[in-house]
Amino acid sequence: MARQRSKSDLPTKICPVCGLSFTWRKKWANCWDDVKYCSERCRRRKSQAQTDE
């Protein structure tokens, strides 16, 4: 059986809306390159982040 990776070994990204870092999740395994937002709430608020810049 394979050893588990520690959470600190997983890749992370910064959410452009809230600015918090979020960690890779198994459900994002096939689409990690496309993931931009940490949550559905931030994905819905993406227009606010673009107008603030």
N, C-alpha and C. Protein backbone atom coordinates (compact mmCIF):
# COMPACT_ATOMS: atom_id res chain seq x y z
N MET A 1 0.84 -1.17 0.00
CA MET A 1 0.00 0.00 0.00
C MET A 1 0.89 1.25 0.00
N ALA A 2 0.51 2.26 -0.75
CA ALA A 2 1.31 3.49 -0.88
C ALA A 2 1.20 4.36 0.37
N ARG A 3 2.28 5.08 0.63
CA ARG A 3 2.27 5.99 1.76
C ARG A 3 1.47 7.24 1.41
N GLN A 4 0.79 7.79 2.38
CA GLN A 4 0.02 9.01 2.16
C GLN A 4 0.95 10.21 2.13
N ARG A 5 0.59 11.19 1.31
CA ARG A 5 1.33 12.44 1.27
C ARG A 5 0.86 13.33 2.41
N SER A 6 1.78 14.08 2.96
CA SER A 6 1.35 15.03 3.98
C SER A 6 0.74 16.25 3.28
N LYS A 7 -0.11 16.94 3.97
CA LYS A 7 -0.82 18.07 3.37
C LYS A 7 0.14 19.16 2.91
N SER A 8 1.26 19.30 3.59
CA SER A 8 2.22 20.33 3.20
C SER A 8 2.93 20.01 1.88
N ASP A 9 2.87 18.76 1.44
CA ASP A 9 3.48 18.37 0.17
C ASP A 9 2.57 18.62 -1.03
N LEU A 10 1.30 18.91 -0.80
CA LEU A 10 0.34 19.10 -1.88
C LEU A 10 0.51 20.49 -2.49
N PRO A 11 0.23 20.64 -3.79
CA PRO A 11 0.34 21.95 -4.42
C PRO A 11 -0.72 22.92 -3.92
N THR A 12 -0.41 24.19 -3.95
CA THR A 12 -1.34 25.23 -3.51
C THR A 12 -1.46 26.32 -4.56
N LYS A 13 -2.52 27.09 -4.46
CA LYS A 13 -2.76 28.25 -5.32
C LYS A 13 -3.32 29.37 -4.45
N ILE A 14 -3.29 30.60 -4.98
CA ILE A 14 -3.86 31.75 -4.29
C ILE A 14 -5.15 32.14 -5.01
N CYS A 15 -6.22 32.29 -4.26
CA CYS A 15 -7.51 32.68 -4.83
C CYS A 15 -7.46 34.17 -5.19
N PRO A 16 -7.80 34.53 -6.44
CA PRO A 16 -7.74 35.93 -6.85
C PRO A 16 -8.82 36.81 -6.22
N VAL A 17 -9.87 36.22 -5.67
CA VAL A 17 -10.96 36.98 -5.08
C VAL A 17 -10.68 37.31 -3.62
N CYS A 18 -10.40 36.29 -2.82
CA CYS A 18 -10.22 36.52 -1.38
C CYS A 18 -8.76 36.60 -0.97
N GLY A 19 -7.85 36.17 -1.83
CA GLY A 19 -6.43 36.26 -1.54
C GLY A 19 -5.89 35.16 -0.63
N LEU A 20 -6.71 34.20 -0.26
CA LEU A 20 -6.27 33.10 0.59
C LEU A 20 -5.69 31.97 -0.25
N SER A 21 -4.78 31.22 0.33
CA SER A 21 -4.23 30.08 -0.39
C SER A 21 -5.14 28.88 -0.16
N PHE A 22 -5.23 28.03 -1.17
CA PHE A 22 -5.99 26.80 -1.03
C PHE A 22 -5.18 25.65 -1.58
N THR A 23 -5.45 24.46 -1.06
CA THR A 23 -4.65 23.28 -1.35
C THR A 23 -5.40 22.36 -2.31
N TRP A 24 -4.62 21.62 -3.07
CA TRP A 24 -5.13 20.62 -4.00
C TRP A 24 -6.08 19.67 -3.30
N ARG A 25 -7.16 19.31 -3.98
CA ARG A 25 -8.11 18.32 -3.46
C ARG A 25 -8.23 17.19 -4.46
N LYS A 26 -8.57 16.02 -3.98
CA LYS A 26 -8.66 14.86 -4.86
C LYS A 26 -9.71 15.06 -5.96
N LYS A 27 -10.79 15.77 -5.66
CA LYS A 27 -11.82 15.99 -6.67
C LYS A 27 -11.33 16.89 -7.80
N TRP A 28 -10.22 17.62 -7.57
CA TRP A 28 -9.63 18.48 -8.59
C TRP A 28 -8.48 17.79 -9.33
N ALA A 29 -8.30 16.50 -9.14
CA ALA A 29 -7.15 15.78 -9.71
C ALA A 29 -7.09 15.91 -11.24
N ASN A 30 -8.23 15.85 -11.90
CA ASN A 30 -8.25 15.89 -13.37
C ASN A 30 -8.29 17.30 -13.93
N CYS A 31 -8.55 18.30 -13.10
CA CYS A 31 -8.71 19.66 -13.62
C CYS A 31 -7.97 20.71 -12.80
N TRP A 32 -6.89 20.34 -12.12
CA TRP A 32 -6.17 21.27 -11.23
C TRP A 32 -5.69 22.50 -11.99
N ASP A 33 -5.29 22.36 -13.24
CA ASP A 33 -4.82 23.50 -14.02
C ASP A 33 -5.93 24.52 -14.28
N ASP A 34 -7.18 24.07 -14.29
CA ASP A 34 -8.31 24.94 -14.56
C ASP A 34 -8.89 25.58 -13.31
N VAL A 35 -8.55 25.08 -12.14
CA VAL A 35 -9.10 25.60 -10.88
C VAL A 35 -8.48 26.96 -10.59
N LYS A 36 -9.34 27.97 -10.37
CA LYS A 36 -8.87 29.33 -10.10
C LYS A 36 -9.34 29.85 -8.75
N TYR A 37 -10.48 29.37 -8.29
CA TYR A 37 -11.10 29.92 -7.09
C TYR A 37 -11.17 28.87 -5.99
N CYS A 38 -11.10 29.31 -4.75
CA CYS A 38 -11.07 28.38 -3.62
C CYS A 38 -12.44 27.81 -3.30
N SER A 39 -13.51 28.49 -3.72
CA SER A 39 -14.85 28.04 -3.36
C SER A 39 -15.87 28.52 -4.38
N GLU A 40 -17.07 28.01 -4.27
CA GLU A 40 -18.17 28.47 -5.13
C GLU A 40 -18.48 29.93 -4.86
N ARG A 41 -18.40 30.34 -3.61
CA ARG A 41 -18.68 31.73 -3.25
C ARG A 41 -17.72 32.67 -3.98
N CYS A 42 -16.44 32.34 -3.98
CA CYS A 42 -15.46 33.18 -4.68
C CYS A 42 -15.67 33.13 -6.19
N ARG A 43 -16.05 31.97 -6.72
CA ARG A 43 -16.30 31.87 -8.16
C ARG A 43 -17.45 32.77 -8.56
N ARG A 44 -18.49 32.85 -7.72
CA ARG A 44 -19.63 33.73 -8.02
C ARG A 44 -19.25 35.20 -7.88
N ARG A 45 -18.29 35.52 -7.02
CA ARG A 45 -17.90 36.91 -6.77
C ARG A 45 -16.73 37.34 -7.67
N LYS A 46 -16.41 36.57 -8.69
CA LYS A 46 -15.24 36.87 -9.52
C LYS A 46 -15.34 38.22 -10.22
N SER A 47 -16.53 38.66 -10.54
CA SER A 47 -16.68 39.96 -11.22
C SER A 47 -16.28 41.10 -10.29
N GLN A 48 -16.52 40.96 -9.00
CA GLN A 48 -16.13 41.98 -8.04
C GLN A 48 -14.60 42.11 -7.96
N ALA A 49 -13.91 41.00 -8.05
CA ALA A 49 -12.44 41.02 -7.97
C ALA A 49 -11.85 41.68 -9.20
N GLN A 50 -12.45 41.52 -10.36
CA GLN A 50 -11.93 42.11 -11.57
C GLN A 50 -12.16 43.62 -11.59
N THR A 51 -13.24 44.11 -11.00
CA THR A 51 -13.51 45.55 -11.00
C THR A 51 -12.70 46.28 -9.94
N ASP A 52 -12.25 45.57 -8.89
CA ASP A 52 -11.45 46.20 -7.84
C ASP A 52 -10.04 46.53 -8.31
N GLU A 53 -9.55 45.84 -9.30
CA GLU A 53 -8.16 46.04 -9.76
C GLU A 53 -8.00 47.24 -10.62
